[in-house]
Amino acid sequence: MKKAIMATKIGMTQIFREDGTLIPVTVLEAGPCVVTQVKTIENDGYEAVQVGYGEAKERITTVDKSGKKSVAHRHGVGKAMKGHFDKAGVPVKKHVQEFLFENAADYKLGDEIKADIFAVGDKVDTTAVTKGKGFQGAIKRHGQHRGPMGHGSKFHRHQGSNGSSSDPSRVFKGKGMPGHMGSVQVTIKNLEVVRVDADKNLILVKGAVPGPKKGLVTIKETTKAQA
């Protein structure tokens, strides 16, 4: 892998190609990401680049006269990560991730990875956590069919039979049942980069990308390019 960056999902829109073709795109604010650590074979056993992205505050602990501790910016960066960023000489970051770059040795602490690492026409994989839907029934969660809605029916929106009573006397694994829906990591592969705006740190990707607006998205060069 030679190209990767972290981004924030802005939303979806549409643009026109020069030939007038309409393209639905997802707008991603990509980077800039700052190199916070360079992993080497000598020190870590493998080569990789650790990058930080997004603004964050330092977690501050105060003690009042009674000796009671209170924390300001509870969701901020703790002492351990603060020391890690100080050692790299970069401001504290909200997100930290490693990329297994083939040319990891070419990066140095403090280097920036910007949107222009990708070009128009590149194929990418986007990874994000999908929207959480809470507890949902089998119809919405798995797309199952409902039963008759007449008054005589006792089967409306249930998931159906769960299994025979005598044999096998159990419910098989994978049975579509109600439960928690969404809030899982999903990767959409082989999307096309339609436009790159290096000045505004924007990457426009053809099609939909998982996750809500303002959600974190990881963009990598695709591992499944199609001819």
Protein backbone atom coordinates (compact mmCIF):
# COMPACT_ATOMS: atom_id res chain seq x y z
CA MET A 1 0.00 0.00 0.00
CA LYS A 2 1.32 3.40 -1.03
CA LYS A 3 -1.66 5.70 -0.48
CA ALA A 4 -3.92 6.16 2.56
CA ILE A 5 -5.42 8.99 4.58
CA MET A 6 -8.03 9.64 7.26
CA ALA A 7 -10.97 11.89 6.44
CA THR A 8 -14.25 13.32 7.71
CA LYS A 9 -17.48 12.65 5.84
CA ILE A 10 -19.10 15.92 4.78
CA GLY A 11 -22.08 14.51 2.90
CA MET A 12 -23.31 13.61 -0.58
CA THR A 13 -23.92 15.73 -3.65
CA GLN A 14 -23.70 15.40 -7.41
CA ILE A 15 -21.42 16.77 -10.11
CA PHE A 16 -21.30 16.69 -13.89
CA ARG A 17 -18.50 15.37 -16.06
CA GLU A 18 -17.36 17.29 -19.10
CA ASP A 19 -19.58 15.11 -21.31
CA GLY A 20 -22.64 16.03 -19.20
CA THR A 21 -22.84 12.74 -17.27
CA LEU A 22 -24.32 13.14 -13.78
CA ILE A 23 -22.29 11.49 -11.00
CA PRO A 24 -23.40 11.04 -7.36
CA VAL A 25 -20.41 11.67 -5.09
CA THR A 26 -19.52 11.66 -1.41
CA VAL A 27 -17.50 14.68 -0.24
CA LEU A 28 -14.69 13.79 2.18
CA GLU A 29 -12.50 16.28 4.02
CA ALA A 30 -9.23 14.35 3.86
CA GLY A 31 -6.43 15.31 6.20
CA PRO A 32 -4.09 16.85 6.65
CA CYS A 33 -2.72 13.94 8.66
CA VAL A 34 0.54 14.33 10.59
CA VAL A 35 3.12 11.57 10.99
CA THR A 36 3.43 10.84 14.72
CA GLN A 37 5.65 7.74 14.55
CA VAL A 38 7.58 5.73 11.98
CA LYS A 39 7.73 2.01 12.75
CA THR A 40 10.91 0.20 11.64
CA ILE A 41 11.94 -3.44 11.42
CA GLU A 42 14.83 -2.84 13.83
CA ASN A 43 12.66 -1.37 16.60
CA ASP A 44 9.19 -2.80 15.95
CA GLY A 45 9.64 -5.81 13.67
CA TYR A 46 7.68 -4.27 10.78
CA GLU A 47 7.50 -1.08 8.75
CA ALA A 48 4.55 1.28 9.08
CA VAL A 49 3.63 4.93 9.47
CA GLN A 50 1.49 6.11 12.39
CA VAL A 51 -0.49 9.26 11.65
CA GLY A 52 -2.72 11.54 13.70
CA TYR A 53 -5.81 13.37 12.51
CA GLY A 54 -8.31 15.83 13.94
CA GLU A 55 -8.04 18.46 16.62
CA ALA A 56 -8.21 17.41 20.27
CA LYS A 57 -7.83 18.97 23.70
CA GLU A 58 -5.53 17.86 26.48
CA ARG A 59 -7.17 16.22 29.46
CA ILE A 60 -6.61 18.46 32.48
CA THR A 61 -6.93 17.23 36.08
CA THR A 62 -7.38 19.79 38.86
CA VAL A 63 -7.44 19.36 42.64
CA ASP A 64 -9.53 21.61 44.89
CA LYS A 65 -8.79 22.55 48.53
CA SER A 66 -10.50 19.43 49.84
CA GLY A 67 -8.24 17.22 47.73
CA LYS A 68 -11.01 16.18 45.36
CA LYS A 69 -9.92 15.70 41.77
CA SER A 70 -11.91 16.95 38.82
CA VAL A 71 -11.24 16.45 35.13
CA ALA A 72 -11.64 19.11 32.47
CA HIS A 73 -12.04 17.92 28.88
CA ARG A 74 -12.85 14.39 30.04
CA HIS A 75 -12.76 13.12 26.48
CA GLY A 76 -9.44 14.79 25.74
CA VAL A 77 -6.01 13.24 25.33
CA GLY A 78 -4.49 11.65 28.45
CA LYS A 79 -0.94 11.99 29.75
CA ALA A 80 0.40 8.93 27.94
CA MET A 81 -0.77 10.05 24.50
CA LYS A 82 0.19 13.66 25.30
CA GLY A 83 3.76 12.47 25.91
CA HIS A 84 3.66 10.48 22.69
CA PHE A 85 2.68 13.56 20.67
CA ASP A 86 5.24 15.73 22.49
CA LYS A 87 7.97 13.24 21.60
CA ALA A 88 6.97 13.47 17.95
CA GLY A 89 6.83 17.26 18.18
CA VAL A 90 3.25 17.53 16.90
CA PRO A 91 0.03 18.90 18.45
CA VAL A 92 -2.33 16.44 20.13
CA LYS A 93 -4.64 14.63 17.72
CA LYS A 94 -8.07 13.07 18.15
CA HIS A 95 -7.50 9.98 15.98
CA VAL A 96 -4.38 7.84 15.55
CA GLN A 97 -3.97 5.09 12.97
CA GLU A 98 -1.21 3.05 11.32
CA PHE A 99 -0.74 2.58 7.59
CA LEU A 100 1.48 -0.18 6.20
CA PHE A 101 3.10 1.95 3.53
CA GLU A 102 5.57 0.26 1.21
CA ASN A 103 7.72 3.40 1.38
CA ALA A 104 7.39 3.91 5.15
CA ALA A 105 11.10 4.67 5.45
CA ASP A 106 10.64 7.80 3.32
CA TYR A 107 8.44 9.47 5.97
CA LYS A 108 9.69 11.53 8.90
CA LEU A 109 8.09 12.79 12.09
CA GLY A 110 5.92 15.81 11.46
CA ASP A 111 5.42 15.13 7.74
CA GLU A 112 1.92 15.90 6.48
CA ILE A 113 -0.23 13.64 4.32
CA LYS A 114 -2.72 15.71 2.38
CA ALA A 115 -5.59 15.08 -0.01
CA ASP A 116 -3.30 15.38 -3.03
CA ILE A 117 -1.81 11.97 -2.19
CA PHE A 118 -4.72 10.72 -4.35
CA ALA A 119 -5.42 11.72 -7.96
CA VAL A 120 -8.48 11.71 -10.17
CA GLY A 121 -9.17 8.21 -11.44
CA ASP A 122 -7.62 6.38 -8.47
CA LYS A 123 -9.55 3.41 -7.09
CA VAL A 124 -9.96 3.43 -3.31
CA ASP A 125 -11.47 1.45 -0.44
CA THR A 126 -13.38 3.44 2.20
CA THR A 127 -13.83 2.14 5.74
CA ALA A 128 -16.15 3.62 8.37
CA VAL A 129 -18.58 2.69 11.14
CA THR A 130 -22.16 2.59 9.86
CA LYS A 131 -25.06 4.48 11.40
CA GLY A 132 -26.49 2.81 14.49
CA LYS A 133 -30.18 1.85 14.18
CA GLY A 134 -30.69 0.46 17.67
CA PHE A 135 -32.83 -2.64 18.29
CA GLN A 136 -34.77 -3.56 15.14
CA GLY A 137 -37.04 -6.38 14.06
CA ALA A 138 -36.26 -9.07 11.52
CA ILE A 139 -38.08 -7.28 8.69
CA LYS A 140 -35.98 -4.12 8.87
CA ARG A 141 -32.78 -5.83 10.02
CA HIS A 142 -32.73 -8.73 7.53
CA GLY A 143 -35.30 -7.74 4.91
CA GLN A 144 -37.63 -10.62 5.70
CA HIS A 145 -41.24 -10.71 4.52
CA ARG A 146 -44.21 -10.09 6.78
CA GLY A 147 -47.22 -12.32 7.18
CA PRO A 148 -50.87 -11.57 6.32
CA MET A 149 -52.19 -8.44 8.00
CA GLY A 150 -55.82 -9.64 8.23
CA HIS A 151 -57.58 -9.93 11.56
CA GLY A 152 -57.59 -13.71 11.47
CA SER A 153 -53.82 -13.97 11.13
CA LYS A 154 -51.63 -14.34 14.18
CA PHE A 155 -48.44 -13.82 12.20
CA HIS A 156 -47.67 -10.25 11.11
CA ARG A 157 -44.09 -9.01 11.55
CA HIS A 158 -42.50 -11.95 13.36
CA GLN A 159 -39.37 -13.56 11.87
CA GLY A 160 -41.17 -16.87 11.35
CA SER A 161 -40.40 -20.36 12.64
CA ASN A 162 -37.27 -20.60 14.79
CA GLY A 163 -36.87 -24.36 14.42
CA SER A 164 -38.58 -27.72 14.84
CA SER A 165 -39.58 -28.81 18.33
CA SER A 166 -38.37 -32.42 18.20
CA ASP A 167 -35.56 -32.44 15.64
CA PRO A 168 -33.10 -30.69 15.68
CA SER A 169 -34.65 -29.11 18.82
CA ARG A 170 -32.53 -25.99 18.55
CA VAL A 171 -32.13 -22.77 16.60
CA PHE A 172 -29.34 -22.84 14.02
CA LYS A 173 -26.59 -20.27 14.07
CA GLY A 174 -27.20 -17.39 11.68
CA LYS A 175 -30.96 -17.41 12.10
CA GLY A 176 -32.27 -13.95 11.20
CA MET A 177 -33.74 -12.58 14.40
CA PRO A 178 -34.38 -9.17 15.95
CA GLY A 179 -31.40 -7.47 17.51
CA HIS A 180 -28.96 -4.59 17.37
CA MET A 181 -28.64 -3.13 13.89
CA GLY A 182 -25.85 -0.98 12.48
CA SER A 183 -22.85 0.58 14.27
CA VAL A 184 -20.43 -1.89 12.66
CA GLN A 185 -17.30 -1.32 10.60
CA VAL A 186 -17.94 -1.61 6.87
CA THR A 187 -15.58 -1.30 3.90
CA ILE A 188 -16.81 -0.28 0.45
CA LYS A 189 -14.26 -1.37 -2.15
CA ASN A 190 -13.16 -0.11 -5.53
CA LEU A 191 -14.68 3.38 -5.51
CA GLU A 192 -13.44 5.95 -8.00
CA VAL A 193 -11.90 9.29 -7.05
CA VAL A 194 -13.74 11.83 -9.18
CA ARG A 195 -12.20 15.09 -8.00
CA VAL A 196 -9.42 16.25 -5.66
CA ASP A 197 -9.21 19.78 -4.20
CA ALA A 198 -5.84 20.05 -2.48
CA ASP A 199 -6.42 23.65 -1.33
CA LYS A 200 -9.59 22.74 0.59
CA ASN A 201 -8.43 19.18 1.49
CA LEU A 202 -11.42 17.65 -0.27
CA ILE A 203 -11.74 14.31 -2.05
CA LEU A 204 -14.90 13.51 -4.02
CA VAL A 205 -15.58 9.78 -4.32
CA LYS A 206 -18.13 8.31 -6.70
CA GLY A 207 -21.00 6.60 -4.87
CA ALA A 208 -21.91 6.25 -1.21
CA VAL A 209 -19.57 5.88 1.75
CA PRO A 210 -20.69 4.28 5.05
CA GLY A 211 -21.16 6.29 8.22
CA PRO A 212 -22.94 9.48 9.30
CA LYS A 213 -21.99 13.04 8.48
CA LYS A 214 -18.91 14.20 10.44
CA GLY A 215 -17.96 10.54 10.87
CA LEU A 216 -14.38 9.28 10.54
CA VAL A 217 -13.55 7.58 7.23
CA THR A 218 -10.34 5.80 6.25
CA ILE A 219 -9.41 5.99 2.58
CA LYS A 220 -6.90 3.50 1.16
CA GLU A 221 -5.86 2.53 -2.32
CA THR A 222 -7.98 -0.42 -3.32
CA THR A 223 -6.90 -4.01 -2.86
CA LYS A 224 -9.40 -5.28 -5.43
CA ALA A 225 -8.95 -3.25 -8.58
CA GLN A 226 -11.17 -4.24 -11.49
CA ALA A 227 -10.11 -4.12 -15.10
